[in-house]
Each structure stands twice: as structure tokens, then as C-alpha cells.
């Protein structure tokens, strides 16, 4: 698996609001996956979740995660980042979830009744696929 930095094609894909799935590890070592919004700043990935979500509990127990991002224009092209959660922080003012919601829906996040937590992920390795071949080639 390649290490960072990411090639420009991969960086460009991650900067778009594409569909994504995050994987965390449960206490028994089994994987847990969930669809998620994300944002990429060129160095870290931001994700956000309700304070009661299982993926948050898993991140607190084991910071190893992966994020698979599908190219919204062609789901046969995808990139997976493997890394560590380096920060968990309260999103009491809904700033991070609003950032993600605006990115994906162009509206502020609607449910402001439940506590939100943000995670910052630093990728360590990555791989990409398009069809049945490595991407980018």
C-alpha cells in the first residue's frame, strides 16, 4: 500500500463531497461500517457523528479506522484511506457538522437537539481502485 503524500488525482477526488463509508473496530476485533459525510483538507479527514454512535465508542477503544470514498460520478473508482483518529472533540456549536452538511446538502444541519462529536483522522496509508485495476495507475 502506498504511503502519503497522495497523488493529485486522489487528492482531487477526496476534496469533492463523495459517498463514503467509515470502518471502525469493535471490542472483539470485528469491523463496524457506517456511511458518513467527510471533509479532506489535504492532511486530515474530518468526520462527525452523534455522541451515542457505536463508531464513536469504537474509535475511543481503538483509533484505527479506514475510510472508503467512492467517486460519485463512477463508483467503480474508489480510494481507501487507512489511518488513526488523532483527535475527538465536542461539536457543541455544530460548526463541524454544519461544515459537512453545507458541503453535502448546501444547508445547515437540521437536528440540533443531540450532542455531536467530531473526529480528525490522519491517514497513514492508502490504496485506490478503478474497475479491477489499481488507481491511479
Protein backbone atom coordinates (compact mmCIF):
# COMPACT_ATOMS: atom_id res chain seq x y z
CA UNK A 1 0.00 0.00 0.00
CA UNK A 2 1.30 3.44 -0.88
CA UNK A 3 2.12 5.94 1.81
CA UNK A 4 1.47 9.67 1.74
CA UNK A 5 1.54 12.13 0.08
CA UNK A 6 -1.45 11.38 -2.11
CA UNK A 7 -1.21 11.80 -5.87
CA UNK A 8 -3.07 14.85 -7.25
CA UNK A 9 -5.88 12.70 -8.76
CA UNK A 10 -6.61 11.10 -5.38
CA UNK A 11 -6.41 14.43 -3.54
CA UNK A 12 -8.86 15.94 -6.04
CA UNK A 13 -11.32 13.07 -5.59
CA UNK A 14 -11.22 13.44 -1.80
CA UNK A 15 -11.88 17.18 -1.98
CA UNK A 16 -15.31 16.53 -3.56
CA UNK A 17 -18.39 15.57 -1.46
CA UNK A 18 -18.44 11.93 -2.50
CA UNK A 19 -20.21 8.99 -0.84
CA UNK A 20 -18.05 7.40 1.86
CA UNK A 21 -18.04 4.54 4.35
CA UNK A 22 -16.03 4.53 7.57
CA UNK A 23 -14.88 1.32 9.24
CA UNK A 24 -14.02 1.04 12.92
CA UNK A 25 -13.08 -1.94 15.08
CA UNK A 26 -15.35 -3.27 17.80
CA UNK A 27 -14.00 -4.51 21.12
CA UNK A 28 -13.93 -8.12 19.84
CA UNK A 29 -11.96 -7.03 16.75
CA UNK A 30 -14.84 -7.35 14.30
CA UNK A 31 -15.41 -4.48 11.86
CA UNK A 32 -18.26 -1.99 12.01
CA UNK A 33 -19.05 0.17 8.98
CA UNK A 34 -21.27 3.21 8.53
CA UNK A 35 -21.98 5.61 5.69
CA UNK A 36 -20.58 9.03 6.56
CA UNK A 37 -20.01 12.54 5.38
CA UNK A 38 -16.36 13.59 5.41
CA UNK A 39 -14.12 16.51 4.52
CA UNK A 40 -10.48 16.41 3.45
CA UNK A 41 -8.13 19.36 3.95
CA UNK A 42 -5.13 17.77 2.27
CA UNK A 43 -3.75 16.44 5.55
CA UNK A 44 -6.61 15.18 7.73
CA UNK A 45 -10.12 13.83 7.35
CA UNK A 46 -12.97 15.30 9.37
CA UNK A 47 -15.98 13.15 10.25
CA UNK A 48 -18.77 13.90 12.68
CA UNK A 49 -21.31 11.74 14.50
CA UNK A 50 -23.90 11.73 17.22
CA UNK A 51 -22.40 11.29 20.69
CA UNK A 52 -24.17 7.92 21.14
CA UNK A 53 -22.99 6.28 17.90
CA UNK A 54 -21.27 2.90 18.01
CA UNK A 55 -18.49 4.09 15.73
CA UNK A 56 -17.57 6.74 18.31
CA UNK A 57 -17.39 4.12 21.05
CA UNK A 58 -15.19 2.03 18.76
CA UNK A 59 -12.88 4.98 18.00
CA UNK A 60 -12.43 5.59 21.71
CA UNK A 61 -11.43 1.95 22.19
CA UNK A 62 -9.21 1.63 19.11
CA UNK A 63 -8.17 4.63 16.99
CA UNK A 64 -7.50 2.58 13.82
CA UNK A 65 -10.04 3.37 11.10
CA UNK A 66 -10.46 3.22 7.36
CA UNK A 67 -12.47 5.47 5.10
CA UNK A 68 -13.52 4.33 1.64
CA UNK A 69 -14.59 7.12 -0.70
CA UNK A 70 -16.47 6.30 -3.88
CA UNK A 71 -16.24 8.61 -6.87
CA UNK A 72 -19.80 9.94 -7.13
CA UNK A 73 -19.51 10.02 -10.93
CA UNK A 74 -18.25 6.42 -11.18
CA UNK A 75 -18.48 4.12 -8.19
CA UNK A 76 -16.00 1.81 -9.90
CA UNK A 77 -13.34 4.35 -8.88
CA UNK A 78 -12.63 4.46 -5.18
CA UNK A 79 -9.92 5.26 -2.68
CA UNK A 80 -9.45 3.85 0.81
CA UNK A 81 -7.52 5.72 3.49
CA UNK A 82 -6.19 3.77 6.48
CA UNK A 83 -5.23 5.82 9.49
CA UNK A 84 -5.65 6.85 13.08
CA UNK A 85 -8.13 9.05 14.90
CA UNK A 86 -5.83 11.71 16.34
CA UNK A 87 -8.48 13.91 17.93
CA UNK A 88 -12.02 13.57 19.23
CA UNK A 89 -13.73 16.85 20.11
CA UNK A 90 -17.16 18.06 21.12
CA UNK A 91 -19.01 19.93 18.39
CA UNK A 92 -21.22 21.84 20.82
CA UNK A 93 -21.75 24.77 18.42
CA UNK A 94 -22.45 22.43 15.46
CA UNK A 95 -19.65 24.09 13.48
CA UNK A 96 -18.17 20.85 12.12
CA UNK A 97 -21.48 19.17 11.30
CA UNK A 98 -22.65 22.39 9.62
CA UNK A 99 -19.43 22.41 7.57
CA UNK A 100 -20.15 18.85 6.44
CA UNK A 101 -23.86 19.46 5.87
CA UNK A 102 -23.17 22.56 3.79
CA UNK A 103 -20.64 20.55 1.77
CA UNK A 104 -23.14 17.79 1.02
CA UNK A 105 -26.57 19.49 1.09
CA UNK A 106 -25.84 23.24 0.93
CA UNK A 107 -27.88 23.65 4.14
CA UNK A 108 -27.06 23.77 7.83
CA UNK A 109 -27.51 20.52 9.71
CA UNK A 110 -31.12 20.19 10.80
CA UNK A 111 -31.09 18.20 14.06
CA UNK A 112 -29.66 20.48 16.72
CA UNK A 113 -31.05 18.56 19.70
CA UNK A 114 -28.41 15.83 20.06
CA UNK A 115 -24.78 16.21 21.06
CA UNK A 116 -22.26 15.86 18.20
CA UNK A 117 -18.64 14.72 18.26
CA UNK A 118 -16.01 15.31 15.58
CA UNK A 119 -13.10 13.03 14.78
CA UNK A 120 -9.94 14.05 12.97
CA UNK A 121 -8.23 11.21 11.14
CA UNK A 122 -4.65 11.22 9.90
CA UNK A 123 -4.19 8.79 7.03
CA UNK A 124 -1.07 6.63 7.12
CA UNK A 125 -1.59 4.51 4.00
CA UNK A 126 -4.00 4.39 1.10
CA UNK A 127 -4.96 2.44 -1.98
CA UNK A 128 -7.20 3.15 -4.94
CA UNK A 129 -9.12 1.04 -7.45
CA UNK A 130 -10.88 1.71 -10.72
CA UNK A 131 -12.74 -1.25 -12.12
CA UNK A 132 -10.41 -4.15 -11.43
CA UNK A 133 -7.10 -2.28 -11.51
CA UNK A 134 -5.06 -0.07 -9.20
CA UNK A 135 -5.90 3.62 -9.47
CA UNK A 136 -4.29 5.91 -10.27
CA UNK A 137 -2.00 3.83 -12.45
